[in-house]
Amino acid sequence: MDAIECLSRGDIILLQTDTIWGVSCDATDCAAVKKVLLAKRRDESSAMIILVSGPEMLSKYAEWSHKYDITKLVGVSLVLPYKGGLCSLLVKKGTVCARIPDSQFLRDFISRFGKPIVSTSANIHKQPAPASKEDIPEEIVRAASSIVENPANTSRDNTPSTVVDLSGKEPVIVREGRNLERAKSVLKI
């Protein structure tokens, strides 16, 4: 079945992101977000990243200081003050973690869907992230209605994205991962 159609009806999908294989759903649909949590055996207190197609979509759901050129932070996950419109389970302490993927394929996919999507590693909570589609646990594969392979990501590197908190006065690196040097260079940290 078409992945966009699956997202639209509240299903979860497997999505090869710009970093790792992920479990995704409509980030505005709390029932779908709960399906992701159930598939991963994860509780509601854990934060999850949303993927957006670009700055315009991001600005509908989060705020950021325009002293940072958000277009230069593509591929870096950013903790930002939350504006509204997302499933409340994705909001932690008034913030949301969002990333503009470092993949035109993914930005186009999200743009076609028209809303942000959840992106969390396609593993059982606290287990290693899968390095390939074949490494995704069978119970997560069974929970997904569609599988989307990203032709731009042929890597078996399961390193997640760098996460930077931009919700305070100064940027803080929360997790080191892919695109760390990009984050340090753009944010001067």
N, C-alpha and C. Protein backbone atom coordinates (compact mmCIF):
# COMPACT_ATOMS: atom_id res chain seq x y z
N MET A 1 0.84 -1.18 0.00
CA MET A 1 0.00 0.00 0.00
C MET A 1 0.89 1.24 0.00
N ASP A 2 0.41 2.30 -0.60
CA ASP A 2 1.13 3.56 -0.68
C ASP A 2 1.39 4.12 0.72
N ALA A 3 2.62 4.50 1.00
CA ALA A 3 3.01 4.96 2.34
C ALA A 3 2.28 6.24 2.75
N ILE A 4 2.06 7.14 1.82
CA ILE A 4 1.34 8.38 2.13
C ILE A 4 -0.08 8.06 2.56
N GLU A 5 -0.71 7.14 1.87
CA GLU A 5 -2.07 6.71 2.22
C GLU A 5 -2.08 6.07 3.61
N CYS A 6 -1.06 5.26 3.90
CA CYS A 6 -0.96 4.62 5.22
C CYS A 6 -0.84 5.68 6.32
N LEU A 7 0.02 6.67 6.12
CA LEU A 7 0.16 7.75 7.10
C LEU A 7 -1.16 8.49 7.28
N SER A 8 -1.83 8.74 6.17
CA SER A 8 -3.09 9.51 6.21
C SER A 8 -4.18 8.79 7.00
N ARG A 9 -4.15 7.47 7.01
CA ARG A 9 -5.20 6.75 7.74
C ARG A 9 -4.76 6.35 9.15
N GLY A 10 -3.61 6.87 9.62
CA GLY A 10 -3.19 6.65 10.99
C GLY A 10 -2.34 5.42 11.23
N ASP A 11 -1.82 4.84 10.17
CA ASP A 11 -0.96 3.67 10.31
C ASP A 11 0.48 4.11 10.57
N ILE A 12 1.31 3.14 10.98
CA ILE A 12 2.73 3.41 11.09
C ILE A 12 3.44 2.78 9.91
N ILE A 13 4.59 3.36 9.54
CA ILE A 13 5.39 2.85 8.43
C ILE A 13 6.83 2.72 8.89
N LEU A 14 7.60 1.94 8.15
CA LEU A 14 9.04 1.89 8.33
C LEU A 14 9.64 2.80 7.27
N LEU A 15 10.56 3.65 7.70
CA LEU A 15 11.13 4.66 6.81
C LEU A 15 12.64 4.72 6.98
N GLN A 16 13.33 4.53 5.88
CA GLN A 16 14.78 4.68 5.90
C GLN A 16 15.07 6.18 5.82
N THR A 17 15.51 6.75 6.92
CA THR A 17 15.70 8.20 6.99
C THR A 17 17.08 8.58 6.45
N ASP A 18 17.46 9.82 6.71
CA ASP A 18 18.79 10.29 6.35
C ASP A 18 19.84 9.79 7.34
N THR A 19 19.39 9.18 8.43
CA THR A 19 20.32 8.64 9.43
C THR A 19 20.13 7.13 9.58
N ILE A 20 19.01 6.72 10.15
CA ILE A 20 18.79 5.30 10.45
C ILE A 20 17.40 4.87 9.96
N TRP A 21 17.14 3.57 10.04
CA TRP A 21 15.79 3.07 9.77
C TRP A 21 14.90 3.50 10.93
N GLY A 22 13.75 4.05 10.60
CA GLY A 22 12.86 4.54 11.63
C GLY A 22 11.45 4.02 11.51
N VAL A 23 10.72 4.14 12.62
CA VAL A 23 9.29 3.91 12.65
C VAL A 23 8.67 5.30 12.59
N SER A 24 7.74 5.49 11.65
CA SER A 24 7.16 6.81 11.44
C SER A 24 5.65 6.76 11.42
N CYS A 25 5.06 7.94 11.70
CA CYS A 25 3.61 8.11 11.62
C CYS A 25 3.33 9.60 11.51
N ASP A 26 2.06 9.93 11.34
CA ASP A 26 1.61 11.31 11.32
C ASP A 26 1.84 11.91 12.71
N ALA A 27 2.66 12.97 12.77
CA ALA A 27 3.00 13.57 14.06
C ALA A 27 1.85 14.38 14.66
N THR A 28 0.77 14.55 13.93
CA THR A 28 -0.39 15.28 14.47
C THR A 28 -1.46 14.33 14.98
N ASP A 29 -1.26 13.03 14.83
CA ASP A 29 -2.26 12.02 15.16
C ASP A 29 -1.81 11.23 16.40
N CYS A 30 -2.42 11.53 17.56
CA CYS A 30 -2.00 10.86 18.81
C CYS A 30 -2.25 9.36 18.80
N ALA A 31 -3.29 8.91 18.15
CA ALA A 31 -3.54 7.46 18.08
C ALA A 31 -2.41 6.77 17.31
N ALA A 32 -1.93 7.40 16.25
CA ALA A 32 -0.82 6.84 15.47
C ALA A 32 0.47 6.86 16.30
N VAL A 33 0.72 7.96 17.02
CA VAL A 33 1.91 8.05 17.87
C VAL A 33 1.88 6.95 18.93
N LYS A 34 0.71 6.67 19.48
CA LYS A 34 0.59 5.58 20.47
C LYS A 34 0.91 4.23 19.84
N LYS A 35 0.57 4.04 18.57
CA LYS A 35 0.91 2.79 17.88
C LYS A 35 2.43 2.63 17.78
N VAL A 36 3.13 3.74 17.53
CA VAL A 36 4.60 3.69 17.47
C VAL A 36 5.15 3.29 18.83
N LEU A 37 4.66 3.93 19.87
CA LEU A 37 5.14 3.62 21.23
C LEU A 37 4.88 2.15 21.58
N LEU A 38 3.72 1.65 21.22
CA LEU A 38 3.37 0.26 21.49
C LEU A 38 4.30 -0.69 20.73
N ALA A 39 4.53 -0.41 19.45
CA ALA A 39 5.39 -1.27 18.63
C ALA A 39 6.81 -1.33 19.19
N LYS A 40 7.30 -0.22 19.72
CA LYS A 40 8.65 -0.15 20.26
C LYS A 40 8.75 -0.54 21.73
N ARG A 41 7.57 -0.78 22.38
CA ARG A 41 7.52 -1.05 23.81
C ARG A 41 8.16 0.11 24.59
N ARG A 42 7.74 1.28 24.24
CA ARG A 42 8.31 2.51 24.79
C ARG A 42 7.23 3.27 25.55
N ASP A 43 7.58 3.89 26.67
CA ASP A 43 6.56 4.63 27.41
C ASP A 43 6.41 6.05 26.86
N GLU A 44 5.36 6.71 27.31
CA GLU A 44 5.01 8.02 26.77
C GLU A 44 5.94 9.13 27.22
N SER A 45 6.81 8.87 28.18
CA SER A 45 7.69 9.93 28.68
C SER A 45 8.89 10.17 27.78
N SER A 46 9.18 9.24 26.88
CA SER A 46 10.34 9.36 26.00
C SER A 46 10.07 10.36 24.87
N ALA A 47 11.07 11.18 24.58
CA ALA A 47 10.95 12.14 23.47
C ALA A 47 11.16 11.43 22.14
N MET A 48 10.52 11.95 21.11
CA MET A 48 10.72 11.45 19.76
C MET A 48 10.91 12.64 18.82
N ILE A 49 11.64 12.41 17.76
CA ILE A 49 11.93 13.45 16.77
C ILE A 49 10.81 13.48 15.74
N ILE A 50 10.54 14.69 15.25
CA ILE A 50 9.66 14.82 14.08
C ILE A 50 10.52 15.27 12.90
N LEU A 51 10.15 14.81 11.73
CA LEU A 51 10.80 15.26 10.49
C LEU A 51 9.86 16.21 9.77
N VAL A 52 10.41 17.31 9.27
CA VAL A 52 9.64 18.31 8.53
C VAL A 52 10.28 18.51 7.17
N SER A 53 9.49 19.02 6.22
CA SER A 53 10.00 19.18 4.86
C SER A 53 10.92 20.37 4.70
N GLY A 54 10.83 21.36 5.58
CA GLY A 54 11.68 22.53 5.46
C GLY A 54 11.30 23.58 6.49
N PRO A 55 11.94 24.75 6.41
CA PRO A 55 11.69 25.82 7.39
C PRO A 55 10.23 26.26 7.46
N GLU A 56 9.54 26.30 6.32
CA GLU A 56 8.15 26.75 6.33
C GLU A 56 7.27 25.81 7.16
N MET A 57 7.42 24.51 6.97
CA MET A 57 6.65 23.55 7.76
C MET A 57 7.08 23.62 9.22
N LEU A 58 8.37 23.72 9.47
CA LEU A 58 8.86 23.79 10.84
C LEU A 58 8.26 24.98 11.58
N SER A 59 8.14 26.12 10.91
CA SER A 59 7.64 27.33 11.56
C SER A 59 6.18 27.23 11.99
N LYS A 60 5.44 26.27 11.46
CA LYS A 60 4.05 26.06 11.88
C LYS A 60 3.98 25.40 13.26
N TYR A 61 5.02 24.67 13.65
CA TYR A 61 4.98 23.85 14.85
C TYR A 61 5.99 24.25 15.92
N ALA A 62 7.02 25.00 15.55
CA ALA A 62 8.08 25.36 16.48
C ALA A 62 8.61 26.76 16.18
N GLU A 63 9.24 27.31 17.19
CA GLU A 63 9.84 28.64 17.05
C GLU A 63 11.35 28.49 17.14
N TRP A 64 12.07 29.39 16.47
CA TRP A 64 13.52 29.40 16.62
C TRP A 64 14.03 30.82 16.42
N SER A 65 15.19 31.06 16.98
CA SER A 65 15.82 32.36 16.84
C SER A 65 16.33 32.49 15.42
N HIS A 66 15.98 33.56 14.77
CA HIS A 66 16.41 33.74 13.38
C HIS A 66 17.86 34.18 13.29
N LYS A 67 18.56 34.19 14.44
CA LYS A 67 20.01 34.42 14.38
C LYS A 67 20.71 33.17 13.83
N TYR A 68 19.98 32.05 13.80
CA TYR A 68 20.51 30.81 13.23
C TYR A 68 19.86 30.57 11.88
N ASP A 69 20.68 30.31 10.88
CA ASP A 69 20.16 29.97 9.55
C ASP A 69 19.77 28.49 9.57
N ILE A 70 18.50 28.26 9.73
CA ILE A 70 17.97 26.90 9.89
C ILE A 70 18.29 26.02 8.67
N THR A 71 18.42 26.64 7.49
CA THR A 71 18.72 25.86 6.28
C THR A 71 20.12 25.27 6.30
N LYS A 72 20.99 25.82 7.13
CA LYS A 72 22.35 25.27 7.26
C LYS A 72 22.43 24.18 8.31
N LEU A 73 21.31 23.93 9.00
CA LEU A 73 21.26 22.89 10.03
C LEU A 73 20.48 21.67 9.57
N VAL A 74 20.35 21.51 8.26
CA VAL A 74 19.71 20.33 7.70
C VAL A 74 20.46 19.09 8.18
N GLY A 75 19.71 18.09 8.66
CA GLY A 75 20.32 16.86 9.15
C GLY A 75 20.65 16.87 10.63
N VAL A 76 20.44 18.02 11.30
CA VAL A 76 20.68 18.14 12.74
C VAL A 76 19.31 18.24 13.41
N SER A 77 19.08 17.44 14.44
CA SER A 77 17.81 17.49 15.18
C SER A 77 17.89 18.62 16.20
N LEU A 78 16.84 19.44 16.23
CA LEU A 78 16.84 20.65 17.04
C LEU A 78 15.70 20.63 18.05
N VAL A 79 16.01 20.87 19.31
CA VAL A 79 15.00 21.02 20.35
C VAL A 79 14.61 22.50 20.35
N LEU A 80 13.33 22.75 20.07
CA LEU A 80 12.84 24.12 19.88
C LEU A 80 11.57 24.37 20.69
N PRO A 81 11.30 25.63 21.04
CA PRO A 81 10.04 25.94 21.70
C PRO A 81 8.85 25.54 20.81
N TYR A 82 7.89 24.90 21.42
CA TYR A 82 6.72 24.35 20.71
C TYR A 82 5.65 25.42 20.52
N LYS A 83 5.06 25.45 19.31
CA LYS A 83 3.99 26.41 19.01
C LYS A 83 2.61 25.78 19.09
N GLY A 84 2.47 24.54 18.65
CA GLY A 84 1.16 23.89 18.65
C GLY A 84 0.98 23.02 17.43
N GLY A 85 -0.13 22.24 17.44
CA GLY A 85 -0.52 21.46 16.26
C GLY A 85 -0.05 20.03 16.21
N LEU A 86 0.85 19.61 17.09
CA LEU A 86 1.35 18.24 17.08
C LEU A 86 0.66 17.43 18.17
N CYS A 87 0.79 16.12 18.09
CA CYS A 87 0.31 15.25 19.17
C CYS A 87 1.03 15.66 20.45
N SER A 88 0.30 15.81 21.53
CA SER A 88 0.88 16.26 22.80
C SER A 88 1.94 15.31 23.34
N LEU A 89 1.92 14.06 22.92
CA LEU A 89 2.92 13.09 23.37
C LEU A 89 4.32 13.43 22.86
N LEU A 90 4.41 14.28 21.85
CA LEU A 90 5.69 14.66 21.26
C LEU A 90 6.28 15.91 21.90
N VAL A 91 5.52 16.52 22.79
CA VAL A 91 5.93 17.77 23.43
C VAL A 91 6.50 17.46 24.82
N LYS A 92 7.71 17.88 25.05
CA LYS A 92 8.37 17.65 26.34
C LYS A 92 8.84 18.99 26.90
N LYS A 93 8.32 19.35 28.06
CA LYS A 93 8.69 20.60 28.74
C LYS A 93 8.56 21.81 27.82
N GLY A 94 7.48 21.83 27.04
CA GLY A 94 7.21 22.97 26.16
C GLY A 94 8.07 23.03 24.92
N THR A 95 8.74 21.92 24.62
CA THR A 95 9.60 21.88 23.43
C THR A 95 9.26 20.69 22.56
N VAL A 96 9.74 20.75 21.33
CA VAL A 96 9.62 19.65 20.39
C VAL A 96 10.97 19.49 19.71
N CYS A 97 11.32 18.26 19.36
CA CYS A 97 12.58 17.99 18.67
C CYS A 97 12.27 17.73 17.20
N ALA A 98 12.84 18.55 16.32
CA ALA A 98 12.52 18.47 14.89
C ALA A 98 13.79 18.47 14.05
N ARG A 99 13.68 17.84 12.88
CA ARG A 99 14.81 17.83 11.95
C ARG A 99 14.30 17.99 10.53
N ILE A 100 15.00 18.81 9.78
CA ILE A 100 14.83 18.86 8.33
C ILE A 100 15.82 17.82 7.81
N PRO A 101 15.34 16.74 7.20
CA PRO A 101 16.26 15.66 6.80
C PRO A 101 17.29 16.12 5.76
N ASP A 102 18.46 15.54 5.85
CA ASP A 102 19.53 15.79 4.89
C ASP A 102 19.36 14.84 3.71
N SER A 103 18.16 14.90 3.10
CA SER A 103 17.80 14.02 1.99
C SER A 103 16.65 14.66 1.22
N GLN A 104 16.90 14.99 -0.03
CA GLN A 104 15.83 15.58 -0.85
C GLN A 104 14.67 14.60 -1.00
N PHE A 105 14.99 13.31 -1.12
CA PHE A 105 13.94 12.29 -1.21
C PHE A 105 12.98 12.38 -0.03
N LEU A 106 13.53 12.49 1.18
CA LEU A 106 12.68 12.55 2.38
C LEU A 106 11.93 13.88 2.47
N ARG A 107 12.60 14.98 2.13
CA ARG A 107 11.91 16.28 2.18
C ARG A 107 10.73 16.28 1.20
N ASP A 108 10.92 15.68 0.04
CA ASP A 108 9.82 15.58 -0.94
C ASP A 108 8.70 14.68 -0.42
N PHE A 109 9.07 13.56 0.20
CA PHE A 109 8.09 12.62 0.75
C PHE A 109 7.23 13.33 1.80
N ILE A 110 7.87 14.04 2.73
CA ILE A 110 7.14 14.75 3.79
C ILE A 110 6.29 15.86 3.19
N SER A 111 6.82 16.54 2.21
CA SER A 111 6.06 17.60 1.54
C SER A 111 4.80 17.03 0.88
N ARG A 112 4.91 15.87 0.25
CA ARG A 112 3.73 15.24 -0.37
C ARG A 112 2.70 14.86 0.68
N PHE A 113 3.17 14.41 1.86
CA PHE A 113 2.25 14.08 2.94
C PHE A 113 1.60 15.34 3.49
N GLY A 114 2.35 16.41 3.56
CA GLY A 114 1.80 17.70 3.97
C GLY A 114 1.83 18.00 5.46
N LYS A 115 2.37 17.07 6.24
CA LYS A 115 2.45 17.26 7.70
C LYS A 115 3.75 16.63 8.20
N PRO A 116 4.20 17.04 9.40
CA PRO A 116 5.39 16.40 9.98
C PRO A 116 5.13 14.92 10.27
N ILE A 117 6.20 14.15 10.26
CA ILE A 117 6.09 12.75 10.62
C ILE A 117 7.04 12.44 11.78
N VAL A 118 6.63 11.52 12.62
CA VAL A 118 7.47 11.05 13.71
C VAL A 118 8.60 10.23 13.10
N SER A 119 9.76 10.33 13.70
CA SER A 119 10.88 9.48 13.29
C SER A 119 11.61 9.02 14.54
N THR A 120 11.49 7.75 14.82
CA THR A 120 12.20 7.15 15.95
C THR A 120 12.78 5.82 15.48
N SER A 121 13.90 5.43 16.01
CA SER A 121 14.60 4.25 15.51
C SER A 121 13.69 3.02 15.50
N ALA A 122 13.87 2.20 14.48
CA ALA A 122 13.04 1.01 14.27
C ALA A 122 13.59 -0.16 15.09
N ASN A 123 13.56 0.01 16.39
CA ASN A 123 14.03 -1.02 17.30
C ASN A 123 13.10 -1.08 18.51
N ILE A 124 13.26 -2.15 19.28
CA ILE A 124 12.58 -2.22 20.57
C ILE A 124 13.33 -1.26 21.49
N HIS A 125 12.60 -0.52 22.29
CA HIS A 125 13.19 0.50 23.16
C HIS A 125 14.40 -0.04 23.92
N LYS A 126 15.48 0.73 23.91
CA LYS A 126 16.75 0.45 24.60
C LYS A 126 17.59 -0.61 23.90
N GLN A 127 17.15 -1.12 22.76
CA GLN A 127 17.95 -2.06 21.97
C GLN A 127 18.70 -1.26 20.91
N PRO A 128 19.77 -1.83 20.32
CA PRO A 128 20.52 -1.09 19.30
C PRO A 128 19.64 -0.76 18.08
N ALA A 129 19.91 0.39 17.48
CA ALA A 129 19.20 0.77 16.25
C ALA A 129 19.65 -0.16 15.12
N PRO A 130 18.73 -0.54 14.25
CA PRO A 130 19.10 -1.44 13.16
C PRO A 130 20.03 -0.77 12.15
N ALA A 131 21.02 -1.51 11.68
CA ALA A 131 21.95 -1.00 10.68
C ALA A 131 21.42 -1.23 9.26
N SER A 132 20.42 -2.10 9.14
CA SER A 132 19.83 -2.39 7.83
C SER A 132 18.37 -2.79 8.01
N LYS A 133 17.66 -2.86 6.92
CA LYS A 133 16.25 -3.28 6.98
C LYS A 133 16.13 -4.68 7.57
N GLU A 134 17.09 -5.53 7.27
CA GLU A 134 17.06 -6.91 7.76
C GLU A 134 17.24 -7.00 9.27
N ASP A 135 17.78 -5.95 9.88
CA ASP A 135 18.01 -5.94 11.33
C ASP A 135 16.81 -5.44 12.13
N ILE A 136 15.76 -5.00 11.46
CA ILE A 136 14.59 -4.48 12.15
C ILE A 136 13.84 -5.66 12.79
N PRO A 137 13.52 -5.58 14.07
CA PRO A 137 12.80 -6.69 14.72
C PRO A 137 11.49 -7.03 14.01
N GLU A 138 11.22 -8.29 13.90
CA GLU A 138 10.04 -8.78 13.17
C GLU A 138 8.74 -8.19 13.70
N GLU A 139 8.62 -8.02 15.00
CA GLU A 139 7.36 -7.47 15.54
C GLU A 139 7.15 -6.02 15.10
N ILE A 140 8.21 -5.29 14.86
CA ILE A 140 8.07 -3.91 14.36
C ILE A 140 7.71 -3.95 12.87
N VAL A 141 8.31 -4.86 12.13
CA VAL A 141 7.97 -5.01 10.71
C VAL A 141 6.49 -5.35 10.57
N ARG A 142 5.99 -6.27 11.40
CA ARG A 142 4.58 -6.67 11.34
C ARG A 142 3.63 -5.51 11.69
N ALA A 143 4.08 -4.59 12.55
CA ALA A 143 3.23 -3.47 12.96
C ALA A 143 3.11 -2.39 11.89
N ALA A 144 4.04 -2.40 10.95
CA ALA A 144 4.07 -1.36 9.91
C ALA A 144 3.22 -1.75 8.71
N SER A 145 2.55 -0.76 8.12
CA SER A 145 1.71 -0.99 6.95
C SER A 145 2.45 -0.78 5.64
N SER A 146 3.62 -0.16 5.70
CA SER A 146 4.38 0.12 4.48
C SER A 146 5.85 0.28 4.84
N ILE A 147 6.70 0.03 3.87
CA ILE A 147 8.15 0.20 4.05
C ILE A 147 8.64 1.12 2.94
N VAL A 148 9.34 2.18 3.35
CA VAL A 148 9.85 3.16 2.38
C VAL A 148 11.37 3.15 2.45
N GLU A 149 11.99 2.75 1.34
CA GLU A 149 13.45 2.77 1.24
C GLU A 149 13.88 4.09 0.63
N ASN A 150 14.91 4.66 1.20
CA ASN A 150 15.46 5.93 0.74
C ASN A 150 16.63 5.64 -0.19
N PRO A 151 16.48 5.87 -1.48
CA PRO A 151 17.56 5.53 -2.42
C PRO A 151 18.84 6.32 -2.18
N ALA A 152 18.74 7.43 -1.47
CA ALA A 152 19.92 8.25 -1.20
C ALA A 152 20.73 7.74 -0.01
N ASN A 153 20.18 6.82 0.78
CA ASN A 153 20.88 6.32 1.96
C ASN A 153 21.23 4.85 1.76
N THR A 154 22.45 4.61 1.34
CA THR A 154 22.91 3.23 1.12
C THR A 154 23.84 2.77 2.25
N SER A 155 23.96 3.60 3.27
CA SER A 155 24.85 3.32 4.39
C SER A 155 24.27 2.28 5.35
N ARG A 156 25.16 1.53 5.98
CA ARG A 156 24.75 0.63 7.07
C ARG A 156 25.13 1.25 8.42
N ASP A 157 25.44 2.53 8.40
CA ASP A 157 25.79 3.25 9.62
C ASP A 157 24.51 3.54 10.40
N ASN A 158 24.44 3.07 11.63
CA ASN A 158 23.23 3.30 12.42
C ASN A 158 23.44 4.40 13.46
N THR A 159 24.31 5.36 13.13
CA THR A 159 24.53 6.50 14.01
C THR A 159 23.35 7.46 13.88
N PRO A 160 22.71 7.82 14.98
CA PRO A 160 21.58 8.76 14.91
C PRO A 160 22.06 10.19 14.67
N SER A 161 21.13 11.08 14.51
CA SER A 161 21.45 12.48 14.29
C SER A 161 21.99 13.14 15.56
N THR A 162 22.76 14.18 15.36
CA THR A 162 23.14 15.05 16.47
C THR A 162 21.88 15.79 16.90
N VAL A 163 21.71 15.97 18.21
CA VAL A 163 20.58 16.72 18.75
C VAL A 163 21.14 17.94 19.49
N VAL A 164 20.62 19.12 19.12
CA VAL A 164 21.04 20.36 19.75
C VAL A 164 19.81 21.07 20.31
N ASP A 165 19.89 21.48 21.57
CA ASP A 165 18.80 22.20 22.21
C ASP A 165 18.98 23.69 21.95
N LEU A 166 18.03 24.27 21.20
CA LEU A 166 18.04 25.70 20.90
C LEU A 166 16.93 26.42 21.65
N SER A 167 16.38 25.80 22.69
CA SER A 167 15.25 26.40 23.40
C SER A 167 15.69 27.40 24.48
N GLY A 168 16.97 27.40 24.81
CA GLY A 168 17.48 28.33 25.82
C GLY A 168 18.23 29.48 25.20
N LYS A 169 18.99 30.17 26.03
CA LYS A 169 19.75 31.33 25.55
C LYS A 169 20.90 30.94 24.65
N GLU A 170 21.53 29.81 24.95
CA GLU A 170 22.67 29.34 24.18
C GLU A 170 22.42 27.90 23.71
N PRO A 171 22.93 27.53 22.53
CA PRO A 171 22.77 26.16 22.06
C PRO A 171 23.52 25.16 22.94
N VAL A 172 22.90 24.00 23.17
CA VAL A 172 23.51 22.94 23.97
C VAL A 172 23.41 21.64 23.19
N ILE A 173 24.53 20.96 23.02
CA ILE A 173 24.53 19.65 22.36
C ILE A 173 23.98 18.63 23.35
N VAL A 174 22.87 18.00 22.97
CA VAL A 174 22.21 17.00 23.81
C VAL A 174 22.73 15.60 23.48
N ARG A 175 22.97 15.36 22.18
CA ARG A 175 23.47 14.05 21.74
C ARG A 175 24.39 14.28 20.54
N GLU A 176 25.57 13.69 20.61
CA GLU A 176 26.48 13.75 19.48
C GLU A 176 26.13 12.62 18.52
N GLY A 177 26.10 12.94 17.24
CA GLY A 177 25.78 11.96 16.22
C GLY A 177 26.18 12.49 14.85
N ARG A 178 25.42 12.08 13.84
CA ARG A 178 25.71 12.57 12.49
C ARG A 178 25.56 14.08 12.42
N ASN A 179 26.37 14.68 11.60
CA ASN A 179 26.36 16.13 11.35
C ASN A 179 26.75 16.97 12.57
N LEU A 180 27.53 16.38 13.47
CA LEU A 180 28.00 17.11 14.64
C LEU A 180 28.85 18.32 14.24
N GLU A 181 29.76 18.13 13.32
CA GLU A 181 30.64 19.24 12.92
C GLU A 181 29.84 20.35 12.25
N ARG A 182 28.82 20.00 11.49
CA ARG A 182 27.93 21.00 10.89
C ARG A 182 27.27 21.83 11.98
N ALA A 183 26.74 21.16 13.00
CA ALA A 183 26.08 21.87 14.10
C ALA A 183 27.05 22.80 14.81
N LYS A 184 28.24 22.30 15.12
CA LYS A 184 29.24 23.12 15.82
C LYS A 184 29.63 24.34 14.98
N SER A 185 29.81 24.14 13.69
CA SER A 185 30.23 25.24 12.81
C SER A 185 29.13 26.31 12.68
N VAL A 186 27.91 25.89 12.41
CA VAL A 186 26.81 26.85 12.21
C VAL A 186 26.47 27.56 13.51
N LEU A 187 26.45 26.83 14.62
CA LEU A 187 26.02 27.41 15.90
C LEU A 187 27.18 27.98 16.71
N LYS A 188 28.39 27.81 16.21
CA LYS A 188 29.60 28.34 16.88
C LYS A 188 29.72 27.80 18.31
N ILE A 189 29.57 26.46 18.44
CA ILE A 189 29.72 25.83 19.76
C ILE A 189 30.81 24.78 19.72
